[in-house]
Amino acid sequence: MEMQQVRYFVALAETLNFTRAAEQCNVSQPALTRAIQMLEYELGGPLLRREGRHSHLTELGQKMLPLLRQCYDSAISAKTLATNIKKGEDSCLSLGIAHTFDVALLIGPLGEVFRRFPDLQLKLRRGRAVEIFEMLKSGEIELAICGPFREQWDRLDAYPMFTEAFDLLVSNDREPVGEDADDGLPPGERFLFHRGADTREEDEYQLAQAGIDPAKAHQVDSARDLEALVMAKIGIGLAPSSMIQSAALQHLPYARLNLKRAVAIYTVAGRRRSPEVAAFLSLVRCADWSALERAA
């Protein structure tokens, strides 16, 4: 089995069209067809079946696709790593995290991985879940830490870290809003939402049940802005319980709000991981996150 045969098959599986697959691989259609036929002979059966103007993967093709795709991705990753080593480039940890995830929670694993690999370069990217998802797919980042993605991808490996509730954030000198906010909030109270919280449609229902209308809330993109506006009493913040641990703010559980998020670290199955990336992933997975599970 040759790597170009694997590359041609992956392209064909994605396009289900010999002409487009040949164009994508920059080869002639007869050359691609011959390579696929040789691969089918080696694997012992047809990988793609043509039915008129339509084509689809056979059962063998469906079973071979994830394995051959992983094989191809691993080969590309190995080639890229070898090129970087040849150029003398330093090792790198490219990490994408949600706007509403506090990087301070990663100081332990990061400190340990830098102790083991002192020449490691960190590339940290922030984004909303949809942006982080695209960065992970494109290879711009190797690992991602955030809440659940809306889009599904069969090559995504997710390792749960913790599930947390959402709290109300108020300044320390603010008038009480009720014991654990159980008594409800004053009528007309304005809220402050962080757009990076990435609430979903089912979350909107939970907010409505708690008497919170996101359409009327103030919206910010920065955790620092959210903290400043809460301290100025512009509104009551609504944020994950692990976010903005400030001595100037109170985190109040809101019994009427049954809103949670599951935080996980994500990787792409089949991509080769450097020792540095593998070490950081292992440290995050082995860390004790139980202190963040309050009210979840």
Protein backbone atom coordinates (compact mmCIF):
# COMPACT_ATOMS: atom_id res chain seq x y z
CA MET A 1 0.00 0.00 0.00
CA GLU A 2 1.46 3.36 -1.05
CA MET A 3 0.73 6.64 0.69
CA GLN A 4 -0.49 8.27 -2.52
CA GLN A 5 -3.13 5.54 -2.82
CA VAL A 6 -4.30 6.41 0.68
CA ARG A 7 -4.37 10.13 -0.18
CA TYR A 8 -6.39 9.46 -3.35
CA PHE A 9 -8.91 7.32 -1.47
CA VAL A 10 -9.41 9.94 1.28
CA ALA A 11 -10.04 12.60 -1.38
CA LEU A 12 -12.43 10.29 -3.23
CA ALA A 13 -14.32 9.47 -0.02
CA GLU A 14 -14.77 13.19 0.66
CA THR A 15 -15.92 14.12 -2.86
CA LEU A 16 -17.54 10.85 -4.02
CA ASN A 17 -16.50 11.98 -7.48
CA PHE A 18 -13.46 10.69 -9.42
CA THR A 19 -13.07 13.87 -11.44
CA ARG A 20 -13.14 16.22 -8.44
CA ALA A 21 -10.89 13.90 -6.41
CA ALA A 22 -8.34 13.83 -9.25
CA GLU A 23 -8.41 17.64 -9.47
CA GLN A 24 -7.99 17.92 -5.70
CA CYS A 25 -4.98 15.57 -5.81
CA ASN A 26 -3.58 17.23 -8.93
CA VAL A 27 -3.45 14.01 -10.94
CA SER A 28 -5.25 12.71 -14.01
CA GLN A 29 -8.50 10.82 -13.48
CA PRO A 30 -7.14 7.60 -15.08
CA ALA A 31 -4.13 7.69 -12.72
CA LEU A 32 -6.39 8.12 -9.70
CA THR A 33 -8.72 5.35 -10.91
CA ARG A 34 -5.81 2.93 -11.37
CA ALA A 35 -4.48 3.74 -7.88
CA ILE A 36 -7.90 3.11 -6.33
CA GLN A 37 -8.26 -0.18 -8.24
CA MET A 38 -4.84 -1.32 -6.96
CA LEU A 39 -5.86 -0.39 -3.42
CA GLU A 40 -9.14 -2.31 -3.80
CA TYR A 41 -7.22 -5.36 -5.05
CA GLU A 42 -4.89 -5.17 -2.06
CA LEU A 43 -7.77 -4.77 0.42
CA GLY A 44 -9.85 -7.49 -1.18
CA GLY A 45 -12.96 -5.68 -2.37
CA PRO A 46 -14.52 -2.55 -3.85
CA LEU A 47 -14.29 0.65 -1.80
CA LEU A 48 -16.70 2.77 -3.81
CA ARG A 49 -19.77 1.78 -5.80
CA ARG A 50 -21.13 3.79 -8.71
CA GLU A 51 -24.88 3.84 -9.29
CA GLY A 52 -25.64 5.97 -12.31
CA ARG A 53 -24.54 9.54 -11.62
CA HIS A 54 -24.25 8.87 -7.89
CA SER A 55 -21.54 7.10 -5.92
CA HIS A 56 -21.26 5.91 -2.35
CA LEU A 57 -18.78 4.07 -0.17
CA THR A 58 -19.25 0.35 0.18
CA GLU A 59 -19.29 -1.25 3.61
CA LEU A 60 -15.58 -1.99 3.19
CA GLY A 61 -14.95 1.61 2.17
CA GLN A 62 -16.79 2.94 5.21
CA LYS A 63 -14.76 0.73 7.54
CA MET A 64 -11.46 1.57 5.85
CA LEU A 65 -12.00 5.35 5.73
CA PRO A 66 -11.24 6.23 9.39
CA LEU A 67 -8.23 3.90 9.45
CA LEU A 68 -6.74 5.17 6.19
CA ARG A 69 -7.51 8.78 7.09
CA GLN A 70 -5.70 8.32 10.40
CA CYS A 71 -2.80 6.72 8.55
CA TYR A 72 -2.59 9.66 6.15
CA ASP A 73 -2.86 12.29 8.90
CA SER A 74 -0.13 10.55 10.89
CA ALA A 75 2.14 10.51 7.88
CA ILE A 76 1.59 14.23 7.26
CA SER A 77 2.21 15.02 10.93
CA ALA A 78 5.41 12.98 10.93
CA LYS A 79 6.63 14.73 7.80
CA THR A 80 5.86 18.15 9.29
CA LEU A 81 7.65 17.26 12.52
CA ALA A 82 10.69 16.01 10.62
CA THR A 83 10.78 19.23 8.60
CA ASN A 84 10.62 21.35 11.74
CA ILE A 85 13.41 19.36 13.38
CA LYS A 86 15.53 19.72 10.26
CA LYS A 87 14.98 23.49 10.34
CA GLY A 88 15.92 23.56 14.01
CA GLU A 89 12.53 24.89 15.10
CA ASP A 90 11.60 24.68 18.79
CA SER A 91 8.78 22.47 20.01
CA CYS A 92 5.42 24.14 20.39
CA LEU A 93 2.20 23.70 22.36
CA SER A 94 -0.68 25.34 20.47
CA LEU A 95 -3.71 25.56 22.73
CA GLY A 96 -7.16 27.06 22.16
CA ILE A 97 -9.34 27.92 25.16
CA ALA A 98 -12.75 29.49 25.56
CA HIS A 99 -13.07 33.17 26.47
CA THR A 100 -14.88 32.13 29.64
CA PHE A 101 -12.29 29.60 30.80
CA ASP A 102 -9.85 30.97 33.37
CA VAL A 103 -6.29 30.20 32.24
CA ALA A 104 -5.24 30.28 35.90
CA LEU A 105 -6.83 26.83 36.18
CA LEU A 106 -4.08 25.50 33.89
CA ILE A 107 -1.09 26.89 35.78
CA GLY A 108 -0.38 23.54 37.45
CA PRO A 109 -0.26 21.44 34.24
CA LEU A 110 1.51 24.22 32.32
CA GLY A 111 4.13 24.66 35.03
CA GLU A 112 4.85 20.95 35.06
CA VAL A 113 5.14 20.63 31.29
CA PHE A 114 7.49 23.63 31.13
CA ARG A 115 9.58 22.05 33.88
CA ARG A 116 9.94 18.94 31.73
CA PHE A 117 10.40 20.82 28.44
CA PRO A 118 12.03 24.19 29.23
CA ASP A 119 12.41 25.12 25.53
CA LEU A 120 8.72 24.64 24.80
CA GLN A 121 6.92 27.54 23.09
CA LEU A 122 3.30 28.17 24.10
CA LYS A 123 0.83 29.51 21.54
CA LEU A 124 -2.42 30.34 23.31
CA ARG A 125 -5.52 31.25 21.30
CA ARG A 126 -8.85 32.49 22.66
CA GLY A 127 -12.19 32.15 20.94
CA ARG A 128 -15.82 31.19 21.08
CA ALA A 129 -16.65 27.50 20.75
CA VAL A 130 -17.38 27.75 17.02
CA GLU A 131 -14.05 29.51 16.42
CA ILE A 132 -12.10 27.02 18.51
CA PHE A 133 -13.75 24.15 16.62
CA GLU A 134 -12.52 25.53 13.29
CA MET A 135 -9.01 26.13 14.67
CA LEU A 136 -8.88 22.53 15.84
CA LYS A 137 -10.10 21.15 12.50
CA SER A 138 -7.63 23.22 10.50
CA GLY A 139 -4.67 22.28 12.67
CA GLU A 140 -4.06 25.81 13.92
CA ILE A 141 -4.28 24.42 17.46
CA GLU A 142 -3.50 20.93 18.76
CA LEU A 143 -5.65 20.96 21.88
CA ALA A 144 -8.80 22.82 22.87
CA ILE A 145 -10.42 23.47 26.25
CA CYS A 146 -14.00 24.72 26.27
CA GLY A 147 -17.63 23.71 26.66
CA PRO A 148 -19.39 21.39 24.18
CA PHE A 149 -19.30 22.13 20.45
CA ARG A 150 -22.58 22.49 18.58
CA GLU A 151 -21.15 20.82 15.49
CA GLN A 152 -20.43 17.08 15.48
CA TRP A 153 -17.23 15.56 14.07
CA ASP A 154 -16.38 11.86 14.16
CA ARG A 155 -12.67 12.60 14.48
CA LEU A 156 -13.06 14.57 17.69
CA ASP A 157 -11.78 13.02 20.93
CA ALA A 158 -13.21 14.63 24.08
CA TYR A 159 -11.85 14.07 27.59
CA PRO A 160 -14.23 15.49 30.26
CA MET A 161 -12.68 17.73 32.92
CA PHE A 162 -15.58 19.03 35.03
CA THR A 163 -19.20 20.17 34.90
CA GLU A 164 -20.05 23.45 36.57
CA ALA A 165 -23.05 25.62 37.32
CA PHE A 166 -23.57 29.26 36.35
CA ASP A 167 -23.48 31.89 39.12
CA LEU A 168 -24.70 35.42 39.59
CA LEU A 169 -21.83 37.90 39.96
CA VAL A 170 -22.33 40.99 42.11
CA SER A 171 -19.98 43.47 43.77
CA ASN A 172 -19.13 42.97 47.44
CA ASP A 173 -20.82 46.22 48.48
CA ARG A 174 -24.06 45.55 46.65
CA GLU A 175 -27.36 45.17 48.52
CA PRO A 176 -28.25 41.48 49.08
CA VAL A 177 -30.31 39.83 46.36
CA GLY A 178 -31.68 37.10 48.61
CA GLU A 179 -30.17 34.10 50.33
CA ASP A 180 -28.39 32.19 47.56
CA ALA A 181 -30.60 34.30 45.29
CA ASP A 182 -33.48 31.93 46.18
CA ASP A 183 -35.91 34.79 46.72
CA GLY A 184 -35.67 35.93 43.14
CA LEU A 185 -34.25 39.15 41.76
CA PRO A 186 -35.66 42.67 41.83
CA PRO A 187 -38.04 43.37 38.92
CA GLY A 188 -36.31 44.87 35.90
CA GLU A 189 -32.84 43.81 36.99
CA ARG A 190 -30.36 44.02 34.09
CA PHE A 191 -27.89 41.24 33.48
CA LEU A 192 -24.41 41.17 32.00
CA PHE A 193 -23.69 38.29 29.62
CA HIS A 194 -20.32 37.22 28.28
CA ARG A 195 -20.85 36.29 24.63
CA GLY A 196 -18.11 33.68 24.92
CA ALA A 197 -20.29 31.59 27.24
CA ASP A 198 -21.76 30.02 24.07
CA THR A 199 -25.21 29.24 25.41
CA ARG A 200 -27.27 26.82 23.34
CA GLU A 201 -30.97 26.69 22.50
CA GLU A 202 -31.70 24.42 25.46
CA ASP A 203 -29.86 26.90 27.69
CA GLU A 204 -32.17 29.69 26.53
CA TYR A 205 -35.10 27.70 27.93
CA GLN A 206 -33.38 27.36 31.30
CA LEU A 207 -32.74 31.10 31.39
CA ALA A 208 -36.38 31.85 30.58
CA GLN A 209 -37.52 29.50 33.37
CA ALA A 210 -35.37 31.51 35.77
CA GLY A 211 -36.89 34.79 34.61
CA ILE A 212 -33.78 35.92 32.71
CA ASP A 213 -34.17 37.39 29.23
CA PRO A 214 -30.84 37.34 27.33
CA ALA A 215 -32.27 39.70 24.69
CA LYS A 216 -32.45 42.48 27.27
CA ALA A 217 -29.06 41.79 28.86
CA HIS A 218 -25.88 43.80 28.38
CA GLN A 219 -23.33 41.85 26.33
CA VAL A 220 -19.54 41.92 26.59
CA ASP A 221 -16.64 40.06 24.98
CA SER A 222 -14.10 40.45 27.78
CA ALA A 223 -13.97 38.94 31.27
CA ARG A 224 -12.23 42.09 32.45
CA ASP A 225 -15.04 44.25 31.06
CA LEU A 226 -17.61 42.03 32.75
CA GLU A 227 -15.86 42.41 36.10
CA ALA A 228 -15.56 46.19 35.77
CA LEU A 229 -19.22 46.64 34.85
CA VAL A 230 -20.41 44.40 37.69
CA MET A 231 -18.27 46.39 40.15
CA ALA A 232 -19.82 49.60 38.77
CA LYS A 233 -23.28 48.09 39.39
CA ILE A 234 -24.25 48.40 35.73
CA GLY A 235 -25.85 44.98 36.06
CA ILE A 236 -25.60 41.53 37.58
CA GLY A 237 -23.14 39.24 35.87
CA LEU A 238 -24.03 35.71 34.79
CA ALA A 239 -21.01 33.46 34.34
CA PRO A 240 -19.67 29.94 34.92
CA SER A 241 -18.79 29.41 38.56
CA SER A 242 -15.04 29.01 37.85
CA MET A 243 -14.81 32.31 35.97
CA ILE A 244 -13.57 35.63 37.43
CA GLN A 245 -12.43 34.61 40.89
CA SER A 246 -11.99 38.17 42.18
CA ALA A 247 -11.85 39.43 45.77
CA ALA A 248 -14.04 42.34 44.68
CA LEU A 249 -16.94 40.15 43.52
CA GLN A 250 -19.34 37.66 45.05
CA HIS A 251 -20.36 34.43 43.31
CA LEU A 252 -23.98 33.68 44.22
CA PRO A 253 -25.61 30.36 43.33
CA TYR A 254 -29.04 30.99 41.82
CA ALA A 255 -31.36 28.13 42.78
CA ARG A 256 -33.91 29.00 40.08
CA LEU A 257 -31.31 28.65 37.32
CA ASN A 258 -30.50 25.07 36.33
CA LEU A 259 -27.83 26.04 33.81
CA LYS A 260 -24.59 24.07 33.56
CA ARG A 261 -21.72 23.53 31.18
CA ALA A 262 -19.43 20.54 30.71
CA VAL A 263 -15.82 21.53 30.15
CA ALA A 264 -13.52 19.13 28.31
CA ILE A 265 -10.15 19.02 26.60
CA TYR A 266 -10.43 18.10 22.91
CA THR A 267 -8.01 16.58 20.41
CA VAL A 268 -8.25 15.26 16.86
CA ALA A 269 -8.07 11.49 16.56
CA GLY A 270 -5.22 10.23 14.40
CA ARG A 271 -3.06 13.34 14.54
CA ARG A 272 0.43 12.69 15.80
CA ARG A 273 1.14 14.35 19.14
CA SER A 274 4.56 15.58 20.13
CA PRO A 275 5.88 14.42 23.52
CA GLU A 276 5.16 17.91 24.86
CA VAL A 277 1.54 17.92 23.72
CA ALA A 278 1.02 14.36 24.95
CA ALA A 279 2.47 15.30 28.34
CA PHE A 280 0.21 18.33 28.73
CA LEU A 281 -2.86 16.33 27.71
CA SER A 282 -2.00 13.64 30.25
CA LEU A 283 -1.46 16.22 33.01
CA VAL A 284 -4.83 17.87 32.35
CA ARG A 285 -6.63 14.53 32.27
CA CYS A 286 -4.99 13.40 35.53
CA ALA A 287 -5.59 16.68 37.39
CA ASP A 288 -8.15 16.78 40.19
CA TRP A 289 -10.99 19.02 38.98
CA SER A 290 -13.48 17.93 41.64
CA ALA A 291 -13.36 21.30 43.45
CA LEU A 292 -15.06 22.87 40.41
CA GLU A 293 -18.02 20.46 40.43
CA ARG A 294 -20.09 22.52 42.94
CA ALA A 295 -23.81 22.35 42.30
CA ALA A 296 -23.28 20.61 39.00
